[in-house]
Amino acid sequence: MGIDEADFEKPKIAVVNSSSGLSVCFQHLDAVAETVKKAIRDAGGLPFEIRTVAPSDFVTSAGKQGRYLMPSRDLLVNDIEVQVEGAELDGMILLSSCDKTTPAHLMAAGRLNVPAIILPCGFQLGSNCGGRDNDIEEVYKAVGAVKAKKMTLCELKEMTRNAIHGPGVCAGLATANSMHCMAEALGMALPGNAPIRAGSAELDTYARKAGARIVALVEQDIRPRSILTPASFRNAVRVATSIGCSVNVVRHLTATAAEAECDVDILAEFAAAVELPQITQIRPNGPDRIEQFAVAGGVSGAMAMLLPKLDGSVRTVSGATLADNLAARPAPDPEIIRPLDAPFRNEPGLVIVRGNLAPDGSVVKLSAVPPSVRRFRGQAIVFENEADAIDAIESGQVCAGKVVILRMLGPKGGPGTVFAASFMAALVGAGLGADVAVVTDGELSGLNSGITIGQIMPEAAERGPLAAVEDADMVTIDLEARTITLEITDQDLATRIDALPQRARTDERGWLAMYQKLVQPLSKGAILRVDE
């Protein structure tokens, strides 16, 4: 292998390259890995590049209605465990890209508790099509426009050819960029690393910094569980709330806390963060683009504005406290990242909503709901298949005033959470985003906007109340009161739930069958656990 005898005395560092030739998300990671390995060698370490499963939400979602997406997160965690713990490596740098890779990397760091650094590897750039801005979010919405006959299929095809320029994750504050920001907010990425443009000289600089720093972390024996504390999770929740991160950060932060065995209630922390306003308006929450956010100061800039509401004493992988990290960063641009006393909106970006339809809670990206809609009441129309729901837009069954119930799409119901994001995007593209509400236990994209109540807990397949909703039931959503209510009596609801048939196990025989058997409820982060 060309390893000198003396090298075996050096810290042995895993360079976890969750890369694949299947997706543009990962196109640049092999070059990043080479930079990281050289920096590790220069710092006195011995790098070992480790390849793992590399899910891409846009590519991996093509098969089985996206059921492989959530299970791929936990497959990746176990993949890292086998290779790093099996070989007794001393530390790891995790090259994070698409939606599931960053949470998986955080979860693996928390589980293995070997010195670790998350290296967010950046976003792609959009382009222009027909004289207007074009990116993946616009392509998503255009599907609905085609269904509503507001756009031709040829126009949509032209958009797809021009939506992405360069490597990296989806432009916008979707799940990938949100989780990159969460890695830094937790203290597990170097200050200033998120968001960052993929393929840039700046990313190359951070790759070299991370390679040098991981060797020092090993020598100083600074481990993830000394960083992933209740205070750091509280900080991350407050950042997510204030900048309007993806709804999916709730499940991923919950899962990370569980793997790190950190005694913190993520749902309670989100509920307690309702006092915080929205200090950015990054797409899909508003007009500003992710590259503007990066130039304006990124998540470090947001934390600088939020510092009075954060615990600045928490430890980070830089070796300094959060407060010290922020003191060394340039002042944020207040045109893009507003101070607390002059926010874009005097309401949080993410909220937890409860009620008889979601007794364990649900998540709403309030920053992506039209400001005019804070209360919605409508008739339920129930679907257990996203494709049927999209067809119902075209046929006119889904129309203004309806509450669309998308159920049996959660981790157990899928099995493997069904990617329900296409329906929501199609709804917005059809011009119904402010007139139709969506309630689902399926997985949403962080790009989604509209009246969406996601991550309904417990999910329908666990005999949650969502399974008892019938067509034409009235549902009321009150975002001011943070409630969602199925308008039937408690007794009628209990009777319906008691009458539900036992849901048969999946016909799957591979990974999805194993996942269904092992996956825990969404309220526990949908992590995998063997029954005691």
Protein backbone atom coordinates (compact mmCIF):
# COMPACT_ATOMS: atom_id res chain seq x y z
CA MET A 1 0.00 0.00 0.00
CA GLY A 2 3.05 2.25 0.03
CA ILE A 3 2.80 3.10 3.73
CA ASP A 4 6.14 3.64 5.46
CA GLU A 5 6.76 1.80 8.72
CA ALA A 6 7.07 5.08 10.61
CA ASP A 7 3.62 6.17 9.44
CA PHE A 8 1.95 3.57 11.64
CA GLU A 9 2.78 5.65 14.71
CA LYS A 10 0.79 8.61 13.35
CA PRO A 11 -2.89 9.38 14.04
CA LYS A 12 -4.94 7.36 11.57
CA ILE A 13 -7.71 9.52 10.10
CA ALA A 14 -10.71 8.37 8.10
CA VAL A 15 -11.63 10.66 5.22
CA VAL A 16 -15.26 9.63 4.84
CA ASN A 17 -16.11 10.31 1.22
CA SER A 18 -19.85 9.81 0.75
CA SER A 19 -19.52 10.19 -2.98
CA SER A 20 -21.08 8.70 -6.06
CA GLY A 21 -21.00 9.16 -9.82
CA LEU A 22 -24.80 9.18 -9.82
CA SER A 23 -25.31 12.79 -8.80
CA VAL A 24 -23.96 16.29 -9.34
CA CYS A 25 -24.11 16.71 -5.54
CA PHE A 26 -20.96 14.61 -5.26
CA GLN A 27 -19.19 15.48 -8.50
CA HIS A 28 -16.43 17.45 -6.77
CA LEU A 29 -15.89 15.37 -3.63
CA ASP A 30 -13.05 13.20 -4.91
CA ALA A 31 -10.96 16.34 -5.47
CA VAL A 32 -11.91 17.61 -1.99
CA ALA A 33 -10.84 14.27 -0.51
CA GLU A 34 -7.40 14.58 -2.12
CA THR A 35 -6.96 18.06 -0.62
CA VAL A 36 -8.02 16.82 2.81
CA LYS A 37 -5.67 13.82 2.67
CA LYS A 38 -2.69 15.99 1.75
CA ALA A 39 -3.48 18.38 4.61
CA ILE A 40 -3.68 15.46 7.04
CA ARG A 41 -0.29 14.17 5.90
CA ASP A 42 1.22 17.64 6.18
CA ALA A 43 -0.12 17.89 9.74
CA GLY A 44 1.46 14.60 10.75
CA GLY A 45 -1.47 12.22 10.29
CA LEU A 46 -2.08 9.15 8.15
CA PRO A 47 -5.28 9.46 6.04
CA PHE A 48 -7.42 6.58 4.83
CA GLU A 49 -10.16 7.43 2.35
CA ILE A 50 -13.35 5.50 3.04
CA ARG A 51 -16.17 5.26 0.49
CA THR A 52 -19.74 4.90 1.70
CA VAL A 53 -23.25 4.71 0.32
CA ALA A 54 -24.06 8.15 -1.15
CA PRO A 55 -27.80 8.90 -1.43
CA SER A 56 -28.97 11.85 -3.52
CA ASP A 57 -32.52 13.00 -2.90
CA PHE A 58 -33.20 13.83 -6.55
CA VAL A 59 -31.69 10.62 -7.91
CA THR A 60 -32.32 8.06 -5.18
CA SER A 61 -35.96 9.21 -4.99
CA ALA A 62 -36.65 7.91 -8.51
CA GLY A 63 -37.24 4.34 -7.34
CA LYS A 64 -40.09 3.17 -5.09
CA GLN A 65 -41.46 6.70 -4.60
CA GLY A 66 -38.35 7.77 -2.72
CA ARG A 67 -38.68 5.10 -0.04
CA TYR A 68 -34.92 4.57 0.02
CA LEU A 69 -34.15 8.15 1.10
CA MET A 70 -34.66 8.08 4.87
CA PRO A 71 -33.37 4.49 5.20
CA SER A 72 -30.22 5.54 3.33
CA ARG A 73 -29.39 7.97 6.15
CA ASP A 74 -29.20 5.17 8.70
CA LEU A 75 -27.53 2.78 6.28
CA LEU A 76 -24.80 5.41 5.94
CA VAL A 77 -24.42 5.71 9.72
CA ASN A 78 -23.86 1.97 10.00
CA ASP A 79 -21.56 1.97 6.98
CA ILE A 80 -19.30 4.48 8.77
CA GLU A 81 -19.43 2.52 12.03
CA VAL A 82 -18.28 -0.69 10.34
CA GLN A 83 -15.33 0.92 8.61
CA VAL A 84 -14.11 3.37 11.26
CA GLU A 85 -14.76 1.40 14.43
CA GLY A 86 -13.92 -1.91 12.78
CA ALA A 87 -10.48 -0.60 11.82
CA GLU A 88 -10.03 1.32 15.11
CA LEU A 89 -9.20 4.56 13.34
CA ASP A 90 -8.39 7.56 15.53
CA GLY A 91 -10.49 10.30 13.97
CA MET A 92 -12.53 11.23 10.91
CA ILE A 93 -13.34 14.05 8.53
CA LEU A 94 -16.76 13.60 6.95
CA LEU A 95 -17.31 15.13 3.51
CA SER A 96 -20.96 16.19 3.67
CA SER A 97 -23.02 16.97 0.60
CA CYS A 98 -26.60 15.93 -0.20
CA ASP A 99 -29.55 15.90 2.20
CA LYS A 100 -28.98 12.64 4.06
CA THR A 101 -25.19 12.73 4.25
CA THR A 102 -24.78 15.53 6.80
CA PRO A 103 -27.28 14.13 9.33
CA ALA A 104 -25.78 10.67 8.87
CA HIS A 105 -22.30 12.08 9.46
CA LEU A 106 -23.45 13.91 12.60
CA MET A 107 -25.18 10.78 13.85
CA ALA A 108 -22.09 8.65 13.22
CA ALA A 109 -19.91 11.19 15.03
CA GLY A 110 -22.26 11.11 17.99
CA ARG A 111 -22.45 7.32 18.03
CA LEU A 112 -18.75 6.51 17.58
CA ASN A 113 -17.47 9.48 19.62
CA VAL A 114 -14.08 9.56 17.94
CA PRO A 115 -12.65 13.02 17.13
CA ALA A 116 -14.53 14.23 14.07
CA ILE A 117 -15.07 17.26 11.83
CA ILE A 118 -17.96 17.75 9.43
CA LEU A 119 -16.79 19.39 6.19
CA PRO A 120 -19.82 20.89 4.36
CA CYS A 121 -18.91 20.64 0.69
CA GLY A 122 -21.12 23.29 -0.77
CA PHE A 123 -23.99 24.32 -2.99
CA GLN A 124 -24.45 24.42 -6.75
CA LEU A 125 -25.32 27.52 -8.74
CA GLY A 126 -28.54 27.99 -10.67
CA SER A 127 -28.77 29.66 -14.05
CA ASN A 128 -31.20 31.54 -16.27
CA CYS A 129 -33.88 30.25 -18.58
CA GLY A 130 -36.17 32.33 -20.75
CA GLY A 131 -35.01 35.53 -19.10
CA ARG A 132 -35.73 34.46 -15.53
CA ASP A 133 -33.77 32.87 -12.67
CA ASN A 134 -33.81 29.10 -12.81
CA ASP A 135 -32.78 26.44 -10.32
CA ILE A 136 -34.02 23.14 -8.91
CA GLU A 137 -36.76 24.86 -6.90
CA GLU A 138 -38.17 26.41 -10.08
CA VAL A 139 -38.05 23.04 -11.86
CA TYR A 140 -39.96 21.45 -8.98
CA LYS A 141 -42.69 24.07 -9.12
CA ALA A 142 -42.86 23.86 -12.90
CA VAL A 143 -44.16 20.28 -12.65
CA GLY A 144 -47.36 21.70 -11.16
CA ALA A 145 -47.48 24.38 -13.81
CA VAL A 146 -47.42 21.66 -16.50
CA LYS A 147 -50.16 19.74 -14.71
CA ALA A 148 -52.23 22.93 -14.54
CA LYS A 149 -51.52 23.55 -18.25
CA LYS A 150 -49.74 26.82 -17.46
CA MET A 151 -46.53 25.56 -19.05
CA THR A 152 -45.68 23.10 -21.80
CA LEU A 153 -43.62 19.97 -21.33
CA CYS A 154 -41.07 21.38 -23.79
CA GLU A 155 -40.64 24.47 -21.60
CA LEU A 156 -40.14 22.25 -18.55
CA LYS A 157 -37.53 20.20 -20.39
CA GLU A 158 -35.66 23.38 -21.30
CA MET A 159 -35.69 24.41 -17.63
CA THR A 160 -34.18 21.07 -16.60
CA ARG A 161 -31.32 21.63 -19.05
CA ASN A 162 -30.47 24.97 -17.46
CA ALA A 163 -31.23 24.53 -13.76
CA ILE A 164 -27.79 23.53 -12.52
CA HIS A 165 -24.40 25.10 -13.21
CA GLY A 166 -21.58 23.39 -11.34
CA PRO A 167 -21.35 20.74 -8.64
CA GLY A 168 -22.91 20.73 -5.20
CA VAL A 169 -26.26 20.53 -3.44
CA CYS A 170 -29.51 22.26 -4.35
CA ALA A 171 -29.42 26.04 -4.28
CA GLY A 172 -31.61 27.52 -1.55
CA LEU A 173 -32.10 26.87 2.14
CA ALA A 174 -33.35 23.36 1.52
CA THR A 175 -32.41 20.32 3.61
CA ALA A 176 -28.80 20.00 2.42
CA ASN A 177 -27.80 23.61 3.04
CA SER A 178 -29.90 23.63 6.21
CA MET A 179 -28.00 20.65 7.59
CA HIS A 180 -24.67 22.16 6.53
CA CYS A 181 -25.67 25.17 8.63
CA MET A 182 -26.74 22.91 11.50
CA ALA A 183 -23.31 21.21 11.51
CA GLU A 184 -21.67 24.58 12.05
CA ALA A 185 -24.32 25.74 14.53
CA LEU A 186 -23.67 22.60 16.60
CA GLY A 187 -19.95 23.34 16.62
CA MET A 188 -19.07 20.29 14.50
CA ALA A 189 -17.89 22.27 11.43
CA LEU A 190 -15.24 24.95 11.32
CA PRO A 191 -16.53 28.53 11.66
CA GLY A 192 -17.49 30.11 8.34
CA ASN A 193 -17.82 26.80 6.46
CA ALA A 194 -21.57 27.01 5.77
CA PRO A 195 -23.04 27.71 3.38
CA ILE A 196 -20.23 27.62 0.83
CA ARG A 197 -20.09 27.31 -2.96
CA ALA A 198 -18.99 23.90 -4.19
CA GLY A 199 -15.85 23.88 -6.28
CA SER A 200 -14.72 27.25 -4.95
CA ALA A 201 -11.29 28.30 -3.74
CA GLU A 202 -12.91 28.96 -0.37
CA LEU A 203 -14.00 25.32 -0.07
CA ASP A 204 -10.46 24.24 -0.92
CA THR A 205 -9.21 26.44 1.94
CA TYR A 206 -11.64 24.84 4.39
CA ALA A 207 -10.62 21.37 3.23
CA ARG A 208 -7.01 22.19 4.10
CA LYS A 209 -7.99 23.72 7.44
CA ALA A 210 -10.08 20.68 8.35
CA GLY A 211 -7.26 18.29 7.43
CA ALA A 212 -4.87 20.10 9.74
CA ARG A 213 -7.40 20.53 12.53
CA ILE A 214 -8.49 16.88 12.76
CA VAL A 215 -4.95 15.83 13.67
CA ALA A 216 -4.95 18.39 16.48
CA LEU A 217 -8.37 17.16 17.68
CA VAL A 218 -7.02 13.63 17.96
CA GLU A 219 -3.92 14.81 19.82
CA GLN A 220 -6.06 16.93 22.17
CA ASP A 221 -8.63 14.11 22.54
CA ILE A 222 -11.58 16.43 21.81
CA ARG A 223 -14.52 14.18 21.03
CA PRO A 224 -17.98 14.86 19.58
CA ARG A 225 -19.89 14.23 22.79
CA SER A 226 -17.98 17.05 24.47
CA ILE A 227 -19.33 19.33 21.71
CA LEU A 228 -22.81 17.84 21.16
CA THR A 229 -24.25 19.06 24.45
CA PRO A 230 -27.78 20.22 25.35
CA ALA A 231 -26.58 23.83 24.99
CA SER A 232 -25.19 23.25 21.49
CA PHE A 233 -28.43 21.57 20.37
CA ARG A 234 -30.38 24.49 21.84
CA ASN A 235 -28.18 26.86 19.85
CA ALA A 236 -28.80 24.89 16.65
CA VAL A 237 -32.56 24.88 17.19
CA ARG A 238 -32.56 28.64 17.66
CA VAL A 239 -30.51 29.17 14.51
CA ALA A 240 -32.81 26.86 12.53
CA THR A 241 -35.85 28.73 13.80
CA SER A 242 -34.46 32.17 13.02
CA ILE A 243 -33.17 31.53 9.51
CA GLY A 244 -36.06 29.29 8.42
CA CYS A 245 -34.32 25.96 7.86
CA SER A 246 -35.91 22.90 6.28
CA VAL A 247 -38.61 21.07 8.29
CA ASN A 248 -36.37 18.01 8.07
CA VAL A 249 -33.80 19.44 10.49
CA VAL A 250 -36.19 18.53 13.32
CA ARG A 251 -35.95 14.80 12.71
CA HIS A 252 -32.23 14.97 11.96
CA LEU A 253 -31.33 16.95 15.09
CA THR A 254 -33.47 14.55 17.13
CA ALA A 255 -31.64 11.60 15.61
CA THR A 256 -28.22 13.16 16.21
CA ALA A 257 -29.06 13.81 19.86
CA ALA A 258 -30.24 10.21 20.25
CA GLU A 259 -27.07 8.76 18.71
CA ALA A 260 -24.91 11.03 20.89
CA GLU A 261 -26.94 9.96 23.94
CA CYS A 262 -27.49 13.63 24.71
CA ASP A 263 -30.32 14.33 27.15
CA VAL A 264 -32.15 17.05 25.24
CA ASP A 265 -35.75 17.23 23.97
CA ILE A 266 -35.47 18.71 20.48
CA LEU A 267 -39.22 19.14 20.03
CA ALA A 268 -39.43 21.01 23.32
CA GLU A 269 -36.52 23.21 22.28
CA PHE A 270 -38.31 24.14 19.05
CA ALA A 271 -41.48 24.88 20.98
CA ALA A 272 -39.49 27.14 23.33
CA ALA A 273 -37.91 29.04 20.43
CA VAL A 274 -41.19 30.67 19.31
CA GLU A 275 -40.02 34.05 20.63
CA LEU A 276 -37.37 34.29 17.92
CA PRO A 277 -38.05 36.24 14.72
CA GLN A 278 -36.99 35.44 11.17
CA ILE A 279 -33.75 37.27 10.41
CA THR A 280 -33.13 35.97 6.86
CA GLN A 281 -35.31 35.42 3.80
CA ILE A 282 -33.35 32.89 1.80
CA ARG A 283 -35.18 31.01 -0.94
CA PRO A 284 -37.68 29.33 -0.62
CA ASN A 285 -38.50 31.65 2.32
CA GLY A 286 -38.04 34.83 0.30
CA PRO A 287 -36.16 36.45 -2.57
CA ASP A 288 -32.54 36.20 -1.35
CA ARG A 289 -30.34 33.48 -2.79
CA ILE A 290 -28.08 31.09 -0.92
CA GLU A 291 -24.97 32.64 -2.48
CA GLN A 292 -26.04 36.04 -1.11
CA PHE A 293 -26.39 34.46 2.34
CA ALA A 294 -22.89 33.00 2.06
CA VAL A 295 -21.35 36.36 1.10
CA ALA A 296 -23.33 38.16 3.81
CA GLY A 297 -21.80 36.01 6.56
CA GLY A 298 -23.61 32.71 6.35
CA VAL A 299 -24.60 30.84 9.47
CA SER A 300 -21.76 32.50 11.41
CA GLY A 301 -23.28 35.85 10.53
CA ALA A 302 -26.70 34.66 11.65
CA MET A 303 -25.26 33.40 14.94
CA ALA A 304 -23.52 36.73 15.47
CA MET A 305 -26.89 38.47 15.22
CA LEU A 306 -28.45 35.83 17.48
CA LEU A 307 -25.64 35.73 20.03
CA PRO A 308 -27.72 37.34 22.84
CA LYS A 309 -30.05 34.32 22.50
CA LEU A 310 -27.30 31.69 22.24
CA ASP A 311 -24.87 30.06 24.64
CA GLY A 312 -21.54 31.47 23.49
CA SER A 313 -19.54 29.33 25.91
CA VAL A 314 -20.11 26.03 24.05
CA ARG A 315 -17.09 24.17 22.72
CA THR A 316 -16.49 23.74 18.97
CA VAL A 317 -14.18 21.72 16.74
CA SER A 318 -12.05 24.83 16.19
CA GLY A 319 -10.86 24.47 19.78
CA ALA A 320 -12.37 27.85 20.68
CA THR A 321 -15.79 28.67 22.08
CA LEU A 322 -18.63 29.78 19.87
CA ALA A 323 -18.32 33.36 21.16
CA ASP A 324 -14.59 33.43 20.36
CA ASN A 325 -15.26 32.01 16.87
CA LEU A 326 -17.83 34.71 16.15
CA ALA A 327 -15.59 37.48 17.45
CA ALA A 328 -13.01 36.52 14.82
CA ARG A 329 -15.52 36.60 11.94
CA PRO A 330 -16.38 39.69 9.81
CA ALA A 331 -19.55 41.54 10.74
CA PRO A 332 -22.59 40.21 8.82
CA ASP A 333 -24.35 42.22 6.12
CA PRO A 334 -27.57 43.52 7.74
CA GLU A 335 -29.29 43.77 4.36
CA ILE A 336 -29.32 39.96 4.13
CA ILE A 337 -28.98 38.96 7.80
CA ARG A 338 -31.04 41.29 9.95
CA PRO A 339 -30.44 42.09 13.65
CA LEU A 340 -32.94 40.80 16.19
CA ASP A 341 -34.55 44.21 16.65
CA ALA A 342 -35.21 44.67 12.91
CA PRO A 343 -36.15 41.22 11.54
CA PHE A 344 -37.80 40.40 8.24
CA ARG A 345 -40.74 38.83 10.09
CA ASN A 346 -41.70 38.92 13.75
CA GLU A 347 -42.36 35.20 13.91
CA PRO A 348 -40.20 32.07 13.95
CA GLY A 349 -39.25 30.29 10.75
CA LEU A 350 -40.07 26.81 12.13
CA VAL A 351 -42.82 25.89 14.59
CA ILE A 352 -44.14 22.75 16.25
CA VAL A 353 -47.90 22.27 15.86
CA ARG A 354 -49.95 19.85 17.99
CA GLY A 355 -53.54 18.73 18.26
CA ASN A 356 -55.74 15.66 18.02
CA LEU A 357 -54.29 14.95 14.55
CA ALA A 358 -50.70 15.28 15.79
CA PRO A 359 -50.60 14.52 19.53
CA ASP A 360 -46.83 14.04 19.45
CA GLY A 361 -46.34 17.11 17.27
CA SER A 362 -45.80 18.09 13.64
CA VAL A 363 -43.53 20.60 11.92
CA VAL A 364 -44.40 23.70 9.89
CA LYS A 365 -41.95 25.86 7.98
CA LEU A 366 -43.79 29.06 8.87
CA SER A 367 -41.30 31.12 6.89
CA ALA A 368 -42.52 29.42 3.69
CA VAL A 369 -46.25 29.83 4.40
CA PRO A 370 -47.86 32.91 2.80
CA PRO A 371 -48.00 35.63 5.50
CA SER A 372 -51.72 36.10 4.84
CA VAL A 373 -52.49 32.52 5.91
CA ARG A 374 -52.37 31.85 9.63
CA ARG A 375 -55.68 30.00 9.95
CA PHE A 376 -57.05 27.48 7.48
CA ARG A 377 -60.20 25.37 7.62
CA GLY A 378 -61.20 22.93 4.92
CA GLN A 379 -62.56 19.55 3.86
CA ALA A 380 -60.17 16.64 3.92
CA ILE A 381 -59.37 14.68 0.77
CA VAL A 382 -57.35 11.57 1.59
CA PHE A 383 -54.58 9.90 -0.44
CA GLU A 384 -52.19 7.08 0.38
CA ASN A 385 -50.23 7.49 -2.84
CA GLU A 386 -48.55 10.71 -3.93
CA ALA A 387 -49.00 10.00 -7.64
CA ASP A 388 -52.77 9.80 -7.16
CA ALA A 389 -52.71 13.15 -5.37
CA ILE A 390 -50.77 14.78 -8.22
CA ASP A 391 -53.26 13.38 -10.75
CA ALA A 392 -56.05 14.87 -8.62
CA ILE A 393 -54.57 18.35 -9.18
CA GLU A 394 -54.89 17.83 -12.92
CA SER A 395 -58.46 16.50 -12.66
CA GLY A 396 -59.58 19.33 -10.38
CA GLN A 397 -60.39 17.15 -7.36
CA VAL A 398 -57.73 19.04 -5.43
CA CYS A 399 -59.06 22.56 -5.42
CA ALA A 400 -59.12 25.69 -3.26
CA GLY A 401 -60.30 25.08 0.28
CA LYS A 402 -59.26 21.43 0.50
CA VAL A 403 -56.98 19.88 3.13
CA VAL A 404 -55.00 17.15 1.38
CA ILE A 405 -54.13 14.22 3.65
CA LEU A 406 -51.07 12.29 2.42
CA ARG A 407 -50.66 9.34 4.76
CA MET A 408 -49.09 5.91 5.19
CA LEU A 409 -45.95 7.54 3.84
CA GLY A 410 -43.90 7.61 7.06
CA PRO A 411 -40.90 5.46 8.03
CA LYS A 412 -42.96 2.39 8.94
CA GLY A 413 -45.77 3.05 6.49
CA GLY A 414 -43.62 3.38 3.38
CA PRO A 415 -41.66 1.47 4.52
CA GLY A 416 -38.99 4.09 4.29
CA THR A 417 -40.48 7.57 4.22
CA VAL A 418 -42.16 8.32 0.90
CA PHE A 419 -40.88 11.50 -0.76
CA ALA A 420 -44.09 13.58 -0.74
CA ALA A 421 -42.32 16.77 -1.82
CA SER A 422 -43.28 16.50 -5.48
CA PHE A 423 -46.97 16.92 -4.67
CA MET A 424 -46.39 20.08 -2.65
CA ALA A 425 -44.24 21.57 -5.38
CA ALA A 426 -46.83 20.64 -7.98
CA LEU A 427 -49.51 22.30 -5.87
CA VAL A 428 -47.53 25.55 -5.69
CA GLY A 429 -46.78 25.37 -9.41
CA ALA A 430 -50.50 25.01 -10.11
CA GLY A 431 -51.14 28.24 -8.22
CA LEU A 432 -52.82 26.54 -5.24
CA GLY A 433 -50.07 26.97 -2.63
CA ALA A 434 -52.02 29.55 -0.63
CA ASP A 435 -55.43 27.89 -1.12
CA VAL A 436 -54.84 24.22 -0.26
CA ALA A 437 -53.30 22.80 2.92
CA VAL A 438 -51.26 19.60 3.01
CA VAL A 439 -51.01 17.34 6.06
CA THR A 440 -48.58 14.43 5.77
CA ASP A 441 -46.43 11.89 7.57
CA GLY A 442 -44.28 11.62 4.43
CA GLU A 443 -40.95 13.28 3.77
CA LEU A 444 -40.85 16.83 2.44
CA SER A 445 -38.14 18.69 0.60
CA GLY A 446 -36.68 21.72 2.29
CA LEU A 447 -37.51 23.53 -0.96
CA ASN A 448 -41.24 23.16 -0.36
CA SER A 449 -43.38 26.20 0.30
CA GLY A 450 -47.08 26.56 1.02
CA ILE A 451 -49.39 25.48 3.85
CA THR A 452 -47.66 22.23 4.77
CA ILE A 453 -48.00 20.38 8.06
CA GLY A 454 -45.25 17.77 7.92
CA GLN A 455 -43.77 15.02 10.06
CA ILE A 456 -47.15 14.21 11.65
CA MET A 457 -46.43 12.20 14.81
CA PRO A 458 -47.34 9.45 15.38
CA GLU A 459 -47.45 8.43 11.74
CA ALA A 460 -50.53 6.73 10.30
CA ALA A 461 -48.88 3.30 10.14
CA GLU A 462 -48.43 3.44 13.93
CA ARG A 463 -52.22 3.81 14.21
CA GLY A 464 -51.81 7.52 14.67
CA PRO A 465 -54.92 9.73 14.30
CA LEU A 466 -53.95 10.59 10.73
CA ALA A 467 -55.00 7.05 9.78
CA ALA A 468 -58.55 7.77 10.98
CA VAL A 469 -59.25 10.81 8.76
CA GLU A 470 -62.01 10.30 6.20
CA ASP A 471 -62.87 12.21 3.04
CA ALA A 472 -64.98 15.32 3.76
CA ASP A 473 -63.92 15.54 7.43
CA MET A 474 -63.31 19.14 8.46
CA VAL A 475 -59.77 20.03 9.54
CA THR A 476 -58.72 23.32 11.15
CA ILE A 477 -55.13 24.54 11.18
CA ASP A 478 -54.32 27.49 13.43
CA LEU A 479 -50.71 28.55 13.03
CA GLU A 480 -51.02 31.34 15.60
CA ALA A 481 -52.27 28.91 18.26
CA ARG A 482 -49.94 26.16 16.89
CA THR A 483 -52.82 23.67 16.64
CA ILE A 484 -54.21 21.21 14.11
CA THR A 485 -57.66 19.77 14.78
CA LEU A 486 -59.77 17.06 13.20
CA GLU A 487 -63.33 18.25 13.89
CA ILE A 488 -64.79 15.12 15.42
CA THR A 489 -65.30 14.20 19.07
CA ASP A 490 -62.62 12.45 21.08
CA GLN A 491 -64.92 9.44 21.36
CA ASP A 492 -65.49 9.23 17.60
CA LEU A 493 -61.77 9.53 16.98
CA ALA A 494 -61.00 6.77 19.48
CA THR A 495 -63.70 4.56 17.91
CA ARG A 496 -62.25 5.08 14.43
CA ILE A 497 -58.72 4.28 15.61
CA ASP A 498 -59.91 1.12 17.39
CA ALA A 499 -61.60 0.01 14.16
CA LEU A 500 -58.49 0.43 12.03
CA PRO A 501 -57.27 -2.83 10.48
CA GLN A 502 -53.86 -4.11 11.45
CA ARG A 503 -51.45 -2.89 8.80
CA ALA A 504 -49.74 -5.73 7.01
CA ARG A 505 -45.99 -5.80 6.85
CA THR A 506 -44.36 -4.89 3.58
CA ASP A 507 -43.84 -7.36 0.75
CA GLU A 508 -40.25 -6.10 0.58
CA ARG A 509 -37.57 -8.64 1.45
CA GLY A 510 -34.44 -6.49 1.39
CA TRP A 511 -33.21 -3.35 3.12
CA LEU A 512 -36.64 -1.71 3.32
CA ALA A 513 -38.07 -4.72 5.17
CA MET A 514 -35.22 -4.57 7.69
CA TYR A 515 -35.74 -0.84 8.07
CA GLN A 516 -39.46 -1.21 8.76
CA LYS A 517 -38.75 -3.71 11.50
CA LEU A 518 -36.08 -1.59 13.22
CA VAL A 519 -37.09 2.03 12.69
CA GLN A 520 -38.23 4.02 15.71
CA PRO A 521 -40.98 6.68 15.69
CA LEU A 522 -40.38 10.07 14.07
CA SER A 523 -40.59 11.66 17.52
CA LYS A 524 -37.38 9.73 18.31
CA GLY A 525 -35.68 10.80 15.09
CA ALA A 526 -36.61 7.64 13.14
CA ILE A 527 -33.30 6.06 14.14
CA LEU A 528 -32.79 2.30 14.07
CA ARG A 529 -32.96 0.30 17.27
CA VAL A 530 -33.17 -3.42 18.01
CA ASP A 531 -36.11 -4.08 20.34
CA GLU A 532 -35.00 -4.73 23.89
